[in-house]
Amino acid sequence: MTELTGGLIQMNSHMVVTNLANFLIVGGAFIVGVFIIGTILLLMDRPINWKYVAIVASIAAIGGVIVLYGANMPRIKEIHACADGQVSIEQIGVRYDIVKIDGKELTLRER
């Protein structure tokens, strides 16, 4: 346990994925899934129109790149801290983003 600013004691901390990264991962996976199915359906047609197959497969590949970009985005440090006596929320808010306050326990994110 380490001392933070303003009378807070850090209980634990971990790295969390941002909402934008989650959106990119899920959205990119959806794009990949839909366009892979589209590619398979186009390959089942006879005669095969390779121009459309290439376009749809390229969009699926772009979705894969979006998934990789979202997965490689930097994480944010989230800290669970406990108040040691009276604390000033304004003083804490200068350095950290306050996610949740539950009694004496605060969930903070570094800026």
PDB file of N, CA and C in Angstrom:
ATOM      1  N   MET A   1       0.843  -1.172   0.000  1.00  0.00           N
ATOM      2  CA  MET A   1       0.000   0.000   0.000  1.00  0.00           C
ATOM      3  C   MET A   1       0.892   1.240   0.000  1.00  0.00           C
ATOM      4  N   THR A   2       0.541   2.177  -0.844  1.00  0.00           N
ATOM      5  CA  THR A   2       1.317   3.412  -0.916  1.00  0.00           C
ATOM      6  C   THR A   2       0.411   4.598  -0.674  1.00  0.00           C
ATOM      7  N   GLU A   3       1.004   5.683  -0.247  1.00  0.00           N
ATOM      8  CA  GLU A   3       0.274   6.908   0.053  1.00  0.00           C
ATOM      9  C   GLU A   3       0.078   7.716  -1.230  1.00  0.00           C
ATOM     10  N   LEU A   4      -1.146   8.133  -1.492  1.00  0.00           N
ATOM     11  CA  LEU A   4      -1.449   9.016  -2.613  1.00  0.00           C
ATOM     12  C   LEU A   4      -1.657  10.419  -2.079  1.00  0.00           C
ATOM     13  N   THR A   5      -1.964  11.352  -2.975  1.00  0.00           N
ATOM     14  CA  THR A   5      -2.182  12.737  -2.564  1.00  0.00           C
ATOM     15  C   THR A   5      -3.480  12.868  -1.792  1.00  0.00           C
ATOM     16  N   GLY A   6      -3.508  13.796  -0.854  1.00  0.00           N
ATOM     17  CA  GLY A   6      -4.747  14.174  -0.190  1.00  0.00           C
ATOM     18  C   GLY A   6      -5.294  13.162   0.793  1.00  0.00           C
ATOM     19  N   GLY A   7      -4.465  12.373   1.467  1.00  0.00           N
ATOM     20  CA  GLY A   7      -4.952  11.452   2.483  1.00  0.00           C
ATOM     21  C   GLY A   7      -5.559  10.177   1.944  1.00  0.00           C
ATOM     22  N   LEU A   8      -5.125   9.735   0.776  1.00  0.00           N
ATOM     23  CA  LEU A   8      -5.610   8.481   0.210  1.00  0.00           C
ATOM     24  C   LEU A   8      -4.539   7.409   0.332  1.00  0.00           C
ATOM     25  N   ILE A   9      -4.978   6.191   0.592  1.00  0.00           N
ATOM     26  CA  ILE A   9      -4.068   5.053   0.621  1.00  0.00           C
ATOM     27  C   ILE A   9      -4.439   4.146  -0.540  1.00  0.00           C
ATOM     28  N   GLN A  10      -3.474   3.873  -1.414  1.00  0.00           N
ATOM     29  CA  GLN A  10      -3.714   3.014  -2.576  1.00  0.00           C
ATOM     30  C   GLN A  10      -3.823   1.565  -2.122  1.00  0.00           C
ATOM     31  N   MET A  11      -4.949   0.926  -2.471  1.00  0.00           N
ATOM     32  CA  MET A  11      -5.131  -0.482  -2.120  1.00  0.00           C
ATOM     33  C   MET A  11      -4.603  -1.375  -3.231  1.00  0.00           C
ATOM     34  N   ASN A  12      -5.018  -1.133  -4.448  1.00  0.00           N
ATOM     35  CA  ASN A  12      -4.487  -1.865  -5.600  1.00  0.00           C
ATOM     36  C   ASN A  12      -4.699  -1.037  -6.860  1.00  0.00           C
ATOM     37  N   SER A  13      -4.025  -1.440  -7.909  1.00  0.00           N
ATOM     38  CA  SER A  13      -4.196  -0.759  -9.195  1.00  0.00           C
ATOM     39  C   SER A  13      -4.009  -1.775 -10.303  1.00  0.00           C
ATOM     40  N   HIS A  14      -4.644  -1.514 -11.417  1.00  0.00           N
ATOM     41  CA  HIS A  14      -4.477  -2.367 -12.585  1.00  0.00           C
ATOM     42  C   HIS A  14      -4.748  -1.546 -13.835  1.00  0.00           C
ATOM     43  N   MET A  15      -4.352  -2.100 -14.964  1.00  0.00           N
ATOM     44  CA  MET A  15      -4.511  -1.414 -16.238  1.00  0.00           C
ATOM     45  C   MET A  15      -5.836  -1.855 -16.872  1.00  0.00           C
ATOM     46  N   VAL A  16      -6.624  -0.896 -17.360  1.00  0.00           N
ATOM     47  CA  VAL A  16      -7.918  -1.208 -17.962  1.00  0.00           C
ATOM     48  C   VAL A  16      -7.936  -0.757 -19.418  1.00  0.00           C
ATOM     49  N   VAL A  17      -8.742  -1.428 -20.203  1.00  0.00           N
ATOM     50  CA  VAL A  17      -8.918  -1.092 -21.611  1.00  0.00           C
ATOM     51  C   VAL A  17      -9.907   0.058 -21.701  1.00  0.00           C
ATOM     52  N   THR A  18      -9.629   1.034 -22.545  1.00  0.00           N
ATOM     53  CA  THR A  18     -10.521   2.183 -22.684  1.00  0.00           C
ATOM     54  C   THR A  18     -11.782   1.796 -23.453  1.00  0.00           C
ATOM     55  N   ASN A  19     -12.796   2.641 -23.345  1.00  0.00           N
ATOM     56  CA  ASN A  19     -14.047   2.389 -24.056  1.00  0.00           C
ATOM     57  C   ASN A  19     -13.851   2.441 -25.569  1.00  0.00           C
ATOM     58  N   LEU A  20     -12.990   3.335 -26.042  1.00  0.00           N
ATOM     59  CA  LEU A  20     -12.721   3.423 -27.472  1.00  0.00           C
ATOM     60  C   LEU A  20     -12.079   2.139 -27.984  1.00  0.00           C
ATOM     61  N   ALA A  21     -11.152   1.578 -27.205  1.00  0.00           N
ATOM     62  CA  ALA A  21     -10.506   0.330 -27.612  1.00  0.00           C
ATOM     63  C   ALA A  21     -11.523  -0.804 -27.672  1.00  0.00           C
ATOM     64  N   ASN A  22     -12.401  -0.880 -26.683  1.00  0.00           N
ATOM     65  CA  ASN A  22     -13.459  -1.899 -26.718  1.00  0.00           C
ATOM     66  C   ASN A  22     -14.351  -1.738 -27.932  1.00  0.00           C
ATOM     67  N   PHE A  23     -14.715  -0.496 -28.256  1.00  0.00           N
ATOM     68  CA  PHE A  23     -15.565  -0.232 -29.410  1.00  0.00           C
ATOM     69  C   PHE A  23     -14.879  -0.671 -30.702  1.00  0.00           C
ATOM     70  N   LEU A  24     -13.586  -0.359 -30.833  1.00  0.00           N
ATOM     71  CA  LEU A  24     -12.855  -0.738 -32.042  1.00  0.00           C
ATOM     72  C   LEU A  24     -12.727  -2.253 -32.171  1.00  0.00           C
ATOM     73  N   ILE A  25     -12.490  -2.943 -31.064  1.00  0.00           N
ATOM     74  CA  ILE A  25     -12.356  -4.396 -31.103  1.00  0.00           C
ATOM     75  C   ILE A  25     -13.674  -5.047 -31.502  1.00  0.00           C
ATOM     76  N   VAL A  26     -14.754  -4.654 -30.851  1.00  0.00           N
ATOM     77  CA  VAL A  26     -16.059  -5.255 -31.145  1.00  0.00           C
ATOM     78  C   VAL A  26     -16.544  -4.862 -32.538  1.00  0.00           C
ATOM     79  N   GLY A  27     -16.411  -3.593 -32.887  1.00  0.00           N
ATOM     80  CA  GLY A  27     -16.847  -3.142 -34.212  1.00  0.00           C
ATOM     81  C   GLY A  27     -16.043  -3.783 -35.331  1.00  0.00           C
ATOM     82  N   GLY A  28     -14.731  -3.872 -35.146  1.00  0.00           N
ATOM     83  CA  GLY A  28     -13.891  -4.515 -36.152  1.00  0.00           C
ATOM     84  C   GLY A  28     -14.197  -5.990 -36.292  1.00  0.00           C
ATOM     85  N   ALA A  29     -14.469  -6.668 -35.176  1.00  0.00           N
ATOM     86  CA  ALA A  29     -14.828  -8.090 -35.241  1.00  0.00           C
ATOM     87  C   ALA A  29     -16.156  -8.291 -35.961  1.00  0.00           C
ATOM     88  N   PHE A  30     -17.091  -7.372 -35.751  1.00  0.00           N
ATOM     89  CA  PHE A  30     -18.372  -7.439 -36.461  1.00  0.00           C
ATOM     90  C   PHE A  30     -18.163  -7.264 -37.962  1.00  0.00           C
ATOM     91  N   ILE A  31     -17.346  -6.282 -38.346  1.00  0.00           N
ATOM     92  CA  ILE A  31     -17.056  -6.054 -39.769  1.00  0.00           C
ATOM     93  C   ILE A  31     -16.401  -7.282 -40.380  1.00  0.00           C
ATOM     94  N   VAL A  32     -15.434  -7.862 -39.671  1.00  0.00           N
ATOM     95  CA  VAL A  32     -14.757  -9.067 -40.173  1.00  0.00           C
ATOM     96  C   VAL A  32     -15.764 -10.189 -40.370  1.00  0.00           C
ATOM     97  N   GLY A  33     -16.605 -10.419 -39.372  1.00  0.00           N
ATOM     98  CA  GLY A  33     -17.578 -11.508 -39.464  1.00  0.00           C
ATOM     99  C   GLY A  33     -18.540 -11.349 -40.622  1.00  0.00           C
ATOM    100  N   VAL A  34     -19.101 -10.168 -40.759  1.00  0.00           N
ATOM    101  CA  VAL A  34     -20.092  -9.924 -41.826  1.00  0.00           C
ATOM    102  C   VAL A  34     -19.447 -10.058 -43.199  1.00  0.00           C
ATOM    103  N   PHE A  35     -18.264  -9.481 -43.383  1.00  0.00           N
ATOM    104  CA  PHE A  35     -17.669  -9.490 -44.708  1.00  0.00           C
ATOM    105  C   PHE A  35     -16.984 -10.813 -45.055  1.00  0.00           C
ATOM    106  N   ILE A  36     -16.605 -11.604 -44.057  1.00  0.00           N
ATOM    107  CA  ILE A  36     -16.127 -12.956 -44.352  1.00  0.00           C
ATOM    108  C   ILE A  36     -17.294 -13.809 -44.843  1.00  0.00           C
ATOM    109  N   ILE A  37     -18.442 -13.665 -44.194  1.00  0.00           N
ATOM    110  CA  ILE A  37     -19.635 -14.389 -44.665  1.00  0.00           C
ATOM    111  C   ILE A  37     -19.996 -13.943 -46.077  1.00  0.00           C
ATOM    112  N   GLY A  38     -19.893 -12.625 -46.332  1.00  0.00           N
ATOM    113  CA  GLY A  38     -20.153 -12.119 -47.680  1.00  0.00           C
ATOM    114  C   GLY A  38     -19.179 -12.683 -48.705  1.00  0.00           C
ATOM    115  N   THR A  39     -17.926 -12.815 -48.324  1.00  0.00           N
ATOM    116  CA  THR A  39     -16.930 -13.391 -49.230  1.00  0.00           C
ATOM    117  C   THR A  39     -17.253 -14.849 -49.533  1.00  0.00           C
ATOM    118  N   ILE A  40     -17.633 -15.591 -48.518  1.00  0.00           N
ATOM    119  CA  ILE A  40     -17.987 -17.000 -48.726  1.00  0.00           C
ATOM    120  C   ILE A  40     -19.196 -17.128 -49.636  1.00  0.00           C
ATOM    121  N   LEU A  41     -20.189 -16.274 -49.423  1.00  0.00           N
ATOM    122  CA  LEU A  41     -21.375 -16.328 -50.287  1.00  0.00           C
ATOM    123  C   LEU A  41     -21.035 -15.970 -51.728  1.00  0.00           C
ATOM    124  N   LEU A  42     -20.139 -15.010 -51.925  1.00  0.00           N
ATOM    125  CA  LEU A  42     -19.739 -14.653 -53.288  1.00  0.00           C
ATOM    126  C   LEU A  42     -18.930 -15.767 -53.942  1.00  0.00           C
ATOM    127  N   LEU A  43     -18.151 -16.511 -53.160  1.00  0.00           N
ATOM    128  CA  LEU A  43     -17.379 -17.624 -53.718  1.00  0.00           C
ATOM    129  C   LEU A  43     -18.261 -18.815 -54.079  1.00  0.00           C
ATOM    130  N   MET A  44     -19.449 -18.883 -53.482  1.00  0.00           N
ATOM    131  CA  MET A  44     -20.356 -19.989 -53.783  1.00  0.00           C
ATOM    132  C   MET A  44     -21.135 -19.746 -55.076  1.00  0.00           C
ATOM    133  N   ASP A  45     -21.159 -18.506 -55.549  1.00  0.00           N
ATOM    134  CA  ASP A  45     -21.835 -18.189 -56.818  1.00  0.00           C
ATOM    135  C   ASP A  45     -21.048 -18.762 -57.988  1.00  0.00           C
ATOM    136  N   ARG A  46     -21.748 -19.138 -59.030  1.00  0.00           N
ATOM    137  CA  ARG A  46     -21.092 -19.573 -60.261  1.00  0.00           C
ATOM    138  C   ARG A  46     -21.637 -18.735 -61.396  1.00  0.00           C
ATOM    139  N   PRO A  47     -20.879 -18.158 -62.220  1.00  0.00           N
ATOM    140  CA  PRO A  47     -19.424 -18.009 -62.217  1.00  0.00           C
ATOM    141  C   PRO A  47     -18.994 -17.009 -61.138  1.00  0.00           C
ATOM    142  N   ILE A  48     -17.789 -17.194 -60.657  1.00  0.00           N
ATOM    143  CA  ILE A  48     -17.262 -16.338 -59.590  1.00  0.00           C
ATOM    144  C   ILE A  48     -16.817 -15.011 -60.182  1.00  0.00           C
ATOM    145  N   ASN A  49     -17.329 -13.927 -59.599  1.00  0.00           N
ATOM    146  CA  ASN A  49     -16.927 -12.586 -60.010  1.00  0.00           C
ATOM    147  C   ASN A  49     -15.819 -12.133 -59.048  1.00  0.00           C
ATOM    148  N   TRP A  50     -14.560 -12.283 -59.484  1.00  0.00           N
ATOM    149  CA  TRP A  50     -13.417 -12.062 -58.614  1.00  0.00           C
ATOM    150  C   TRP A  50     -13.270 -10.611 -58.168  1.00  0.00           C
ATOM    151  N   LYS A  51     -13.801  -9.681 -58.952  1.00  0.00           N
ATOM    152  CA  LYS A  51     -13.703  -8.276 -58.579  1.00  0.00           C
ATOM    153  C   LYS A  51     -14.481  -8.023 -57.280  1.00  0.00           C
ATOM    154  N   TYR A  52     -15.694  -8.546 -57.184  1.00  0.00           N
ATOM    155  CA  TYR A  52     -16.490  -8.354 -55.980  1.00  0.00           C
ATOM    156  C   TYR A  52     -15.924  -9.130 -54.798  1.00  0.00           C
ATOM    157  N   VAL A  53     -15.390 -10.311 -55.061  1.00  0.00           N
ATOM    158  CA  VAL A  53     -14.778 -11.109 -53.999  1.00  0.00           C
ATOM    159  C   VAL A  53     -13.591 -10.348 -53.403  1.00  0.00           C
ATOM    160  N   ALA A  54     -12.776  -9.741 -54.258  1.00  0.00           N
ATOM    161  CA  ALA A  54     -11.613  -8.993 -53.792  1.00  0.00           C
ATOM    162  C   ALA A  54     -12.030  -7.773 -52.973  1.00  0.00           C
ATOM    163  N   ILE A  55     -13.081  -7.081 -53.402  1.00  0.00           N
ATOM    164  CA  ILE A  55     -13.547  -5.893 -52.671  1.00  0.00           C
ATOM    165  C   ILE A  55     -14.057  -6.277 -51.285  1.00  0.00           C
ATOM    166  N   VAL A  56     -14.897  -7.306 -51.224  1.00  0.00           N
ATOM    167  CA  VAL A  56     -15.479  -7.712 -49.943  1.00  0.00           C
ATOM    168  C   VAL A  56     -14.402  -8.286 -49.015  1.00  0.00           C
ATOM    169  N   ALA A  57     -13.473  -9.051 -49.553  1.00  0.00           N
ATOM    170  CA  ALA A  57     -12.383  -9.591 -48.736  1.00  0.00           C
ATOM    171  C   ALA A  57     -11.466  -8.473 -48.238  1.00  0.00           C
ATOM    172  N   SER A  58     -11.279  -7.433 -49.031  1.00  0.00           N
ATOM    173  CA  SER A  58     -10.461  -6.296 -48.599  1.00  0.00           C
ATOM    174  C   SER A  58     -11.113  -5.554 -47.437  1.00  0.00           C
ATOM    175  N   ILE A  59     -12.436  -5.403 -47.495  1.00  0.00           N
ATOM    176  CA  ILE A  59     -13.146  -4.758 -46.386  1.00  0.00           C
ATOM    177  C   ILE A  59     -13.022  -5.606 -45.123  1.00  0.00           C
ATOM    178  N   ALA A  60     -13.087  -6.937 -45.259  1.00  0.00           N
ATOM    179  CA  ALA A  60     -12.893  -7.818 -44.100  1.00  0.00           C
ATOM    180  C   ALA A  60     -11.483  -7.655 -43.531  1.00  0.00           C
ATOM    181  N   ALA A  61     -10.486  -7.505 -44.395  1.00  0.00           N
ATOM    182  CA  ALA A  61      -9.110  -7.301 -43.936  1.00  0.00           C
ATOM    183  C   ALA A  61      -8.971  -5.963 -43.210  1.00  0.00           C
ATOM    184  N   ILE A  62      -9.660  -4.935 -43.696  1.00  0.00           N
ATOM    185  CA  ILE A  62      -9.645  -3.637 -43.017  1.00  0.00           C
ATOM    186  C   ILE A  62     -10.259  -3.774 -41.622  1.00  0.00           C
ATOM    187  N   GLY A  63     -11.325  -4.568 -41.495  1.00  0.00           N
ATOM    188  CA  GLY A  63     -11.910  -4.838 -40.182  1.00  0.00           C
ATOM    189  C   GLY A  63     -10.919  -5.523 -39.260  1.00  0.00           C
ATOM    190  N   GLY A  64     -10.111  -6.425 -39.802  1.00  0.00           N
ATOM    191  CA  GLY A  64      -9.077  -7.071 -39.004  1.00  0.00           C
ATOM    192  C   GLY A  64      -8.032  -6.089 -38.517  1.00  0.00           C
ATOM    193  N   VAL A  65      -7.683  -5.137 -39.356  1.00  0.00           N
ATOM    194  CA  VAL A  65      -6.723  -4.099 -38.957  1.00  0.00           C
ATOM    195  C   VAL A  65      -7.322  -3.241 -37.840  1.00  0.00           C
ATOM    196  N   ILE A  66      -8.612  -2.954 -37.916  1.00  0.00           N
ATOM    197  CA  ILE A  66      -9.281  -2.173 -36.869  1.00  0.00           C
ATOM    198  C   ILE A  66      -9.242  -2.936 -35.540  1.00  0.00           C
ATOM    199  N   VAL A  67      -9.472  -4.246 -35.576  1.00  0.00           N
ATOM    200  CA  VAL A  67      -9.404  -5.063 -34.359  1.00  0.00           C
ATOM    201  C   VAL A  67      -7.998  -5.003 -33.760  1.00  0.00           C
ATOM    202  N   LEU A  68      -6.981  -5.164 -34.578  1.00  0.00           N
ATOM    203  CA  LEU A  68      -5.604  -5.119 -34.084  1.00  0.00           C
ATOM    204  C   LEU A  68      -5.246  -3.748 -33.514  1.00  0.00           C
ATOM    205  N   TYR A  69      -5.718  -2.697 -34.153  1.00  0.00           N
ATOM    206  CA  TYR A  69      -5.449  -1.346 -33.652  1.00  0.00           C
ATOM    207  C   TYR A  69      -6.095  -1.149 -32.282  1.00  0.00           C
ATOM    208  N   GLY A  70      -7.345  -1.590 -32.135  1.00  0.00           N
ATOM    209  CA  GLY A  70      -8.022  -1.466 -30.848  1.00  0.00           C
ATOM    210  C   GLY A  70      -7.367  -2.297 -29.766  1.00  0.00           C
ATOM    211  N   ALA A  71      -6.894  -3.490 -30.122  1.00  0.00           N
ATOM    212  CA  ALA A  71      -6.260  -4.368 -29.139  1.00  0.00           C
ATOM    213  C   ALA A  71      -4.904  -3.834 -28.686  1.00  0.00           C
ATOM    214  N   ASN A  72      -4.236  -3.050 -29.518  1.00  0.00           N
ATOM    215  CA  ASN A  72      -2.913  -2.525 -29.187  1.00  0.00           C
ATOM    216  C   ASN A  72      -2.933  -1.108 -28.625  1.00  0.00           C
ATOM    217  N   MET A  73      -4.127  -0.556 -28.387  1.00  0.00           N
ATOM    218  CA  MET A  73      -4.211   0.786 -27.807  1.00  0.00           C
ATOM    219  C   MET A  73      -3.708   0.753 -26.363  1.00  0.00           C
ATOM    220  N   PRO A  74      -3.112   1.851 -25.901  1.00  0.00           N
ATOM    221  CA  PRO A  74      -2.594   1.867 -24.529  1.00  0.00           C
ATOM    222  C   PRO A  74      -3.713   1.756 -23.493  1.00  0.00           C
ATOM    223  N   ARG A  75      -3.375   1.115 -22.385  1.00  0.00           N
ATOM    224  CA  ARG A  75      -4.312   0.961 -21.275  1.00  0.00           C
ATOM    225  C   ARG A  75      -4.190   2.158 -20.334  1.00  0.00           C
ATOM    226  N   ILE A  76      -5.198   2.323 -19.487  1.00  0.00           N
ATOM    227  CA  ILE A  76      -5.205   3.397 -18.496  1.00  0.00           C
ATOM    228  C   ILE A  76      -5.104   2.763 -17.112  1.00  0.00           C
ATOM    229  N   LYS A  77      -4.294   3.358 -16.250  1.00  0.00           N
ATOM    230  CA  LYS A  77      -4.121   2.836 -14.894  1.00  0.00           C
ATOM    231  C   LYS A  77      -5.331   3.217 -14.043  1.00  0.00           C
ATOM    232  N   GLU A  78      -6.001   2.203 -13.484  1.00  0.00           N
ATOM    233  CA  GLU A  78      -7.141   2.420 -12.598  1.00  0.00           C
ATOM    234  C   GLU A  78      -6.716   2.051 -11.184  1.00  0.00           C
ATOM    235  N   ILE A  79      -6.948   2.957 -10.245  1.00  0.00           N
ATOM    236  CA  ILE A  79      -6.483   2.809  -8.873  1.00  0.00           C
ATOM    237  C   ILE A  79      -7.688   2.715  -7.945  1.00  0.00           C
ATOM    238  N   HIS A  80      -7.653   1.729  -7.045  1.00  0.00           N
ATOM    239  CA  HIS A  80      -8.630   1.649  -5.970  1.00  0.00           C
ATOM    240  C   HIS A  80      -7.927   2.159  -4.722  1.00  0.00           C
ATOM    241  N   ALA A  81      -8.499   3.204  -4.114  1.00  0.00           N
ATOM    242  CA  ALA A  81      -7.867   3.822  -2.957  1.00  0.00           C
ATOM    243  C   ALA A  81      -8.886   3.961  -1.835  1.00  0.00           C
ATOM    244  N   CYS A  82      -8.370   4.043  -0.626  1.00  0.00           N
ATOM    245  CA  CYS A  82      -9.199   4.186   0.559  1.00  0.00           C
ATOM    246  C   CYS A  82      -8.865   5.519   1.217  1.00  0.00           C
ATOM    247  N   ALA A  83      -9.898   6.215   1.678  1.00  0.00           N
ATOM    248  CA  ALA A  83      -9.684   7.503   2.324  1.00  0.00           C
ATOM    249  C   ALA A  83      -9.165   7.290   3.740  1.00  0.00           C
ATOM    250  N   ASP A  84      -8.116   8.006   4.102  1.00  0.00           N
ATOM    251  CA  ASP A  84      -7.550   7.962   5.439  1.00  0.00           C
ATOM    252  C   ASP A  84      -7.900   9.280   6.117  1.00  0.00           C
ATOM    253  N   GLY A  85      -9.076   9.353   6.688  1.00  0.00           N
ATOM    254  CA  GLY A  85      -9.549  10.597   7.292  1.00  0.00           C
ATOM    255  C   GLY A  85     -10.308  11.414   6.255  1.00  0.00           C
ATOM    256  N   GLN A  86     -10.326  12.723   6.466  1.00  0.00           N
ATOM    257  CA  GLN A  86     -11.031  13.603   5.547  1.00  0.00           C
ATOM    258  C   GLN A  86     -10.168  13.852   4.316  1.00  0.00           C
ATOM    259  N   VAL A  87     -10.820  13.791   3.139  1.00  0.00           N
ATOM    260  CA  VAL A  87     -10.123  14.066   1.887  1.00  0.00           C
ATOM    261  C   VAL A  87     -10.884  15.123   1.113  1.00  0.00           C
ATOM    262  N   SER A  88     -10.179  15.850   0.289  1.00  0.00           N
ATOM    263  CA  SER A  88     -10.786  16.866  -0.552  1.00  0.00           C
ATOM    264  C   SER A  88     -10.960  16.301  -1.957  1.00  0.00           C
ATOM    265  N   ILE A  89     -12.210  16.167  -2.379  1.00  0.00           N
ATOM    266  CA  ILE A  89     -12.504  15.624  -3.704  1.00  0.00           C
ATOM    267  C   ILE A  89     -11.933  16.540  -4.788  1.00  0.00           C
ATOM    268  N   GLU A  90     -11.960  17.847  -4.550  1.00  0.00           N
ATOM    269  CA  GLU A  90     -11.428  18.788  -5.537  1.00  0.00           C
ATOM    270  C   GLU A  90      -9.928  18.592  -5.723  1.00  0.00           C
ATOM    271  N   GLN A  91      -9.205  18.364  -4.626  1.00  0.00           N
ATOM    272  CA  GLN A  91      -7.763  18.160  -4.709  1.00  0.00           C
ATOM    273  C   GLN A  91      -7.436  16.856  -5.429  1.00  0.00           C
ATOM    274  N   ILE A  92      -8.227  15.831  -5.210  1.00  0.00           N
ATOM    275  CA  ILE A  92      -8.033  14.550  -5.892  1.00  0.00           C
ATOM    276  C   ILE A  92      -8.390  14.684  -7.366  1.00  0.00           C
ATOM    277  N   GLY A  93      -9.454  15.431  -7.653  1.00  0.00           N
ATOM    278  CA  GLY A  93      -9.905  15.614  -9.028  1.00  0.00           C
ATOM    279  C   GLY A  93      -8.928  16.350  -9.914  1.00  0.00           C
ATOM    280  N   VAL A  94      -7.989  17.089  -9.311  1.00  0.00           N
ATOM    281  CA  VAL A  94      -6.978  17.797 -10.099  1.00  0.00           C
ATOM    282  C   VAL A  94      -6.033  16.808 -10.766  1.00  0.00           C
ATOM    283  N   ARG A  95      -5.691  15.730 -10.046  1.00  0.00           N
ATOM    284  CA  ARG A  95      -4.692  14.787 -10.547  1.00  0.00           C
ATOM    285  C   ARG A  95      -5.300  13.536 -11.177  1.00  0.00           C
ATOM    286  N   TYR A  96      -6.474  13.117 -10.713  1.00  0.00           N
ATOM    287  CA  TYR A  96      -7.090  11.871 -11.161  1.00  0.00           C
ATOM    288  C   TYR A  96      -8.504  12.126 -11.667  1.00  0.00           C
ATOM    289  N   ASP A  97      -8.973  11.238 -12.542  1.00  0.00           N
ATOM    290  CA  ASP A  97     -10.382  11.210 -12.917  1.00  0.00           C
ATOM    291  C   ASP A  97     -11.088  10.298 -11.930  1.00  0.00           C
ATOM    292  N   ILE A  98     -12.124  10.802 -11.294  1.00  0.00           N
ATOM    293  CA  ILE A  98     -12.849  10.018 -10.299  1.00  0.00           C
ATOM    294  C   ILE A  98     -13.922   9.209 -11.027  1.00  0.00           C
ATOM    295  N   VAL A  99     -13.801   7.880 -10.967  1.00  0.00           N
ATOM    296  CA  VAL A  99     -14.740   6.990 -11.647  1.00  0.00           C
ATOM    297  C   VAL A  99     -15.915   6.679 -10.737  1.00  0.00           C
ATOM    298  N   LYS A 100     -15.610   6.322  -9.469  1.00  0.00           N
ATOM    299  CA  LYS A 100     -16.672   5.908  -8.556  1.00  0.00           C
ATOM    300  C   LYS A 100     -16.245   6.197  -7.123  1.00  0.00           C
ATOM    301  N   ILE A 101     -17.214   6.614  -6.306  1.00  0.00           N
ATOM    302  CA  ILE A 101     -16.989   6.783  -4.877  1.00  0.00           C
ATOM    303  C   ILE A 101     -17.984   5.890  -4.161  1.00  0.00           C
ATOM    304  N   ASP A 102     -17.453   4.972  -3.332  1.00  0.00           N
ATOM    305  CA  ASP A 102     -18.296   4.043  -2.602  1.00  0.00           C
ATOM    306  C   ASP A 102     -17.890   4.097  -1.131  1.00  0.00           C
ATOM    307  N   GLY A 103     -18.508   5.014  -0.417  1.00  0.00           N
ATOM    308  CA  GLY A 103     -18.145   5.184   0.991  1.00  0.00           C
ATOM    309  C   GLY A 103     -16.742   5.752   1.105  1.00  0.00           C
ATOM    310  N   LYS A 104     -15.842   4.988   1.714  1.00  0.00           N
ATOM    311  CA  LYS A 104     -14.453   5.434   1.862  1.00  0.00           C
ATOM    312  C   LYS A 104     -13.576   4.972   0.709  1.00  0.00           C
ATOM    313  N   GLU A 105     -14.104   4.113  -0.146  1.00  0.00           N
ATOM    314  CA  GLU A 105     -13.309   3.597  -1.277  1.00  0.00           C
ATOM    315  C   GLU A 105     -13.557   4.447  -2.519  1.00  0.00           C
ATOM    316  N   LEU A 106     -12.479   4.837  -3.180  1.00  0.00           N
ATOM    317  CA  LEU A 106     -12.561   5.612  -4.413  1.00  0.00           C
ATOM    318  C   LEU A 106     -11.916   4.818  -5.543  1.00  0.00           C
ATOM    319  N   THR A 107     -12.536   4.896  -6.711  1.00  0.00           N
ATOM    320  CA  THR A 107     -11.955   4.324  -7.914  1.00  0.00           C
ATOM    321  C   THR A 107     -11.507   5.493  -8.784  1.00  0.00           C
ATOM    322  N   LEU A 108     -10.213   5.550  -9.062  1.00  0.00           N
ATOM    323  CA  LEU A 108      -9.615   6.687  -9.777  1.00  0.00           C
ATOM    324  C   LEU A 108      -8.908   6.200 -11.025  1.00  0.00           C
ATOM    325  N   ARG A 109      -8.823   7.062 -12.013  1.00  0.00           N
ATOM    326  CA  ARG A 109      -8.037   6.783 -13.217  1.00  0.00           C
ATOM    327  C   ARG A 109      -7.030   7.900 -13.402  1.00  0.00           C
ATOM    328  N   GLU A 110      -5.791   7.517 -13.723  1.00  0.00           N
ATOM    329  CA  GLU A 110      -4.748   8.524 -13.950  1.00  0.00           C
ATOM    330  C   GLU A 110      -5.040   9.299 -15.230  1.00  0.00           C
ATOM    331  N   ARG A 111      -4.652  10.556 -15.211  1.00  0.00           N
ATOM    332  CA  ARG A 111      -4.812  11.368 -16.422  1.00  0.00           C
ATOM    333  C   ARG A 111      -3.586  11.274 -17.259  1.00  0.00           C
TER     334      ARG A 111
END
